[in-house]
N, C-alpha and C. Protein backbone atom coordinates (compact mmCIF):
# COMPACT_ATOMS: atom_id res chain seq x y z
N MET A 1 59.33 -17.58 -12.85
CA MET A 1 57.99 -17.88 -13.30
C MET A 1 57.26 -18.68 -12.24
N ARG A 2 56.04 -18.33 -12.05
CA ARG A 2 55.20 -19.14 -11.19
C ARG A 2 54.62 -20.28 -12.00
N PHE A 3 54.59 -21.43 -11.43
CA PHE A 3 54.03 -22.58 -12.12
C PHE A 3 52.52 -22.58 -11.90
N THR A 4 51.80 -21.93 -12.80
CA THR A 4 50.35 -21.89 -12.72
C THR A 4 49.76 -22.75 -13.82
N GLU A 5 48.49 -23.04 -13.68
CA GLU A 5 47.82 -23.91 -14.65
C GLU A 5 47.81 -23.28 -16.04
N VAL A 6 47.85 -24.14 -17.04
CA VAL A 6 47.84 -23.72 -18.43
C VAL A 6 46.47 -24.07 -19.00
N ASN A 7 45.84 -23.11 -19.66
CA ASN A 7 44.55 -23.34 -20.28
C ASN A 7 44.79 -23.97 -21.65
N LEU A 8 44.45 -25.23 -21.78
CA LEU A 8 44.66 -25.97 -23.01
C LEU A 8 43.30 -26.38 -23.56
N PHE A 9 42.78 -25.58 -24.50
CA PHE A 9 41.47 -25.82 -25.11
C PHE A 9 40.35 -25.88 -24.07
N GLY A 10 40.42 -25.01 -23.09
CA GLY A 10 39.39 -24.94 -22.07
C GLY A 10 39.59 -25.86 -20.89
N VAL A 11 40.65 -26.63 -20.90
CA VAL A 11 40.96 -27.54 -19.79
C VAL A 11 42.23 -27.05 -19.13
N TYR A 12 42.18 -26.84 -17.84
CA TYR A 12 43.36 -26.40 -17.10
C TYR A 12 44.22 -27.61 -16.75
N VAL A 13 45.46 -27.56 -17.19
CA VAL A 13 46.40 -28.65 -16.91
C VAL A 13 47.61 -28.09 -16.18
N ALA A 14 48.29 -28.94 -15.47
CA ALA A 14 49.49 -28.53 -14.76
C ALA A 14 50.60 -28.23 -15.76
N PRO A 15 51.43 -27.25 -15.47
CA PRO A 15 52.50 -26.91 -16.40
C PRO A 15 53.52 -28.05 -16.55
N LEU A 16 53.64 -28.88 -15.54
CA LEU A 16 54.57 -30.00 -15.64
C LEU A 16 54.11 -30.99 -16.71
N SER A 17 52.80 -31.16 -16.87
CA SER A 17 52.33 -32.10 -17.89
C SER A 17 52.65 -31.59 -19.29
N VAL A 18 52.61 -30.29 -19.50
CA VAL A 18 53.00 -29.73 -20.79
C VAL A 18 54.50 -29.94 -21.02
N MET A 19 55.28 -29.75 -19.96
CA MET A 19 56.73 -29.96 -20.08
C MET A 19 57.07 -31.43 -20.29
N LEU A 20 56.27 -32.34 -19.72
CA LEU A 20 56.49 -33.77 -19.94
C LEU A 20 56.36 -34.12 -21.42
N VAL A 21 55.33 -33.58 -22.05
CA VAL A 21 55.11 -33.86 -23.47
C VAL A 21 56.20 -33.22 -24.32
N ALA A 22 56.58 -31.98 -24.00
CA ALA A 22 57.63 -31.30 -24.76
C ALA A 22 58.97 -32.03 -24.62
N ALA A 23 59.27 -32.49 -23.41
CA ALA A 23 60.52 -33.23 -23.20
C ALA A 23 60.51 -34.55 -23.95
N TRP A 24 59.33 -35.17 -24.07
CA TRP A 24 59.25 -36.43 -24.81
C TRP A 24 59.56 -36.22 -26.28
N PHE A 25 59.04 -35.11 -26.87
CA PHE A 25 59.33 -34.82 -28.28
C PHE A 25 60.81 -34.53 -28.49
N VAL A 26 61.43 -33.82 -27.57
CA VAL A 26 62.87 -33.56 -27.67
C VAL A 26 63.64 -34.86 -27.56
N THR A 27 63.22 -35.74 -26.67
CA THR A 27 63.90 -37.02 -26.50
C THR A 27 63.75 -37.90 -27.73
N ILE A 28 62.59 -37.86 -28.37
CA ILE A 28 62.40 -38.63 -29.61
C ILE A 28 63.38 -38.15 -30.67
N ALA A 29 63.53 -36.84 -30.79
CA ALA A 29 64.47 -36.29 -31.78
C ALA A 29 65.91 -36.69 -31.44
N LEU A 30 66.27 -36.61 -30.17
CA LEU A 30 67.63 -37.00 -29.77
C LEU A 30 67.86 -38.50 -29.96
N ARG A 31 66.83 -39.30 -29.72
CA ARG A 31 66.96 -40.75 -29.92
C ARG A 31 67.19 -41.09 -31.39
N ARG A 32 66.50 -40.39 -32.27
CA ARG A 32 66.70 -40.63 -33.70
C ARG A 32 68.10 -40.23 -34.14
N VAL A 33 68.59 -39.13 -33.61
CA VAL A 33 69.97 -38.71 -33.94
C VAL A 33 70.97 -39.73 -33.41
N ALA A 34 70.74 -40.20 -32.18
CA ALA A 34 71.66 -41.19 -31.59
C ALA A 34 71.62 -42.51 -32.35
N ALA A 35 70.45 -42.91 -32.81
CA ALA A 35 70.35 -44.15 -33.58
C ALA A 35 71.02 -44.01 -34.94
N ARG A 36 70.87 -42.85 -35.54
CA ARG A 36 71.48 -42.63 -36.85
C ARG A 36 73.01 -42.58 -36.76
N CYS A 37 73.52 -42.03 -35.65
CA CYS A 37 74.97 -41.96 -35.47
C CYS A 37 75.56 -43.27 -34.93
N GLY A 38 74.71 -44.19 -34.51
CA GLY A 38 75.19 -45.47 -34.01
C GLY A 38 75.51 -45.47 -32.53
N LEU A 39 75.07 -44.46 -31.80
CA LEU A 39 75.37 -44.39 -30.37
C LEU A 39 74.61 -45.45 -29.58
N LEU A 40 73.40 -45.76 -29.97
CA LEU A 40 72.61 -46.72 -29.22
C LEU A 40 73.16 -48.15 -29.30
N ARG A 41 74.02 -48.42 -30.28
CA ARG A 41 74.64 -49.75 -30.36
C ARG A 41 75.73 -49.91 -29.31
N HIS A 42 76.24 -48.80 -28.77
CA HIS A 42 77.36 -48.86 -27.84
C HIS A 42 76.96 -48.72 -26.37
N VAL A 43 75.69 -48.55 -26.09
CA VAL A 43 75.26 -48.47 -24.70
C VAL A 43 74.79 -49.85 -24.24
N TRP A 44 74.86 -50.07 -22.93
CA TRP A 44 74.55 -51.38 -22.38
C TRP A 44 73.06 -51.68 -22.48
N HIS A 45 72.22 -50.71 -22.14
CA HIS A 45 70.78 -50.92 -22.14
C HIS A 45 70.14 -49.71 -22.82
N PRO A 46 69.81 -49.80 -24.11
CA PRO A 46 69.31 -48.63 -24.85
C PRO A 46 68.05 -47.99 -24.25
N ALA A 47 67.12 -48.79 -23.76
CA ALA A 47 65.90 -48.21 -23.19
C ALA A 47 66.20 -47.43 -21.91
N LEU A 48 67.09 -47.94 -21.10
CA LEU A 48 67.49 -47.24 -19.88
C LEU A 48 68.25 -45.96 -20.22
N PHE A 49 69.05 -46.00 -21.25
CA PHE A 49 69.78 -44.82 -21.71
C PHE A 49 68.81 -43.74 -22.20
N VAL A 50 67.82 -44.13 -22.97
CA VAL A 50 66.83 -43.16 -23.48
C VAL A 50 66.02 -42.58 -22.33
N PHE A 51 65.67 -43.39 -21.35
CA PHE A 51 64.95 -42.89 -20.18
C PHE A 51 65.80 -41.89 -19.40
N ALA A 52 67.08 -42.17 -19.25
CA ALA A 52 67.97 -41.24 -18.56
C ALA A 52 68.08 -39.92 -19.32
N VAL A 53 68.14 -39.99 -20.63
CA VAL A 53 68.17 -38.77 -21.44
C VAL A 53 66.87 -37.99 -21.26
N TYR A 54 65.75 -38.69 -21.20
CA TYR A 54 64.45 -38.05 -20.98
C TYR A 54 64.42 -37.31 -19.64
N VAL A 55 64.92 -37.94 -18.60
CA VAL A 55 64.94 -37.31 -17.28
C VAL A 55 65.85 -36.08 -17.30
N ILE A 56 66.97 -36.17 -17.98
CA ILE A 56 67.88 -35.02 -18.07
C ILE A 56 67.23 -33.87 -18.83
N VAL A 57 66.57 -34.18 -19.94
CA VAL A 57 65.90 -33.14 -20.73
C VAL A 57 64.77 -32.51 -19.93
N LEU A 58 63.96 -33.32 -19.26
CA LEU A 58 62.85 -32.79 -18.48
C LEU A 58 63.33 -31.92 -17.33
N SER A 59 64.32 -32.38 -16.60
CA SER A 59 64.81 -31.58 -15.48
C SER A 59 65.47 -30.29 -15.96
N SER A 60 66.12 -30.33 -17.10
CA SER A 60 66.70 -29.10 -17.67
C SER A 60 65.61 -28.12 -18.05
N MET A 61 64.53 -28.62 -18.64
CA MET A 61 63.42 -27.74 -19.00
C MET A 61 62.79 -27.11 -17.77
N VAL A 62 62.60 -27.88 -16.72
CA VAL A 62 62.00 -27.36 -15.50
C VAL A 62 62.90 -26.29 -14.88
N LEU A 63 64.20 -26.53 -14.84
CA LEU A 63 65.12 -25.54 -14.29
C LEU A 63 65.16 -24.27 -15.13
N ILE A 64 65.12 -24.40 -16.43
CA ILE A 64 65.13 -23.21 -17.30
C ILE A 64 63.86 -22.39 -17.10
N VAL A 65 62.71 -23.06 -17.04
CA VAL A 65 61.44 -22.34 -16.86
C VAL A 65 61.38 -21.70 -15.46
N ALA A 66 61.88 -22.40 -14.47
CA ALA A 66 61.83 -21.88 -13.10
C ALA A 66 62.71 -20.64 -12.95
N ASN A 67 63.81 -20.57 -13.65
CA ASN A 67 64.73 -19.44 -13.54
C ASN A 67 64.56 -18.42 -14.66
N TRP A 68 63.49 -18.51 -15.42
CA TRP A 68 63.31 -17.65 -16.58
C TRP A 68 63.18 -16.17 -16.20
N ASP A 69 62.47 -15.86 -15.13
CA ASP A 69 62.23 -14.47 -14.74
C ASP A 69 63.50 -13.80 -14.24
N ARG A 70 64.39 -14.53 -13.67
CA ARG A 70 65.63 -13.93 -13.14
C ARG A 70 66.57 -13.48 -14.25
N HIS A 71 66.54 -14.17 -15.39
CA HIS A 71 67.48 -13.87 -16.46
C HIS A 71 66.91 -12.96 -17.53
N VAL A 72 65.62 -12.75 -17.50
CA VAL A 72 65.01 -11.90 -18.55
C VAL A 72 64.85 -10.49 -18.04
């Protein structure tokens, strides 16, 4: 896939900004699951852990979108 601008209600935005928001929603869901299971009590710095999970989710999304045309 080529990373071209996305038309969002008449405003062209970068595709990375759309992925940033989508990754944030996925991270919120994962954070709630981790809090409910008690995982956040066992990490040294919960905010740093959540940020690392966000970076992992975002980079995974970018890699999946970048390689989408090869696998379809």
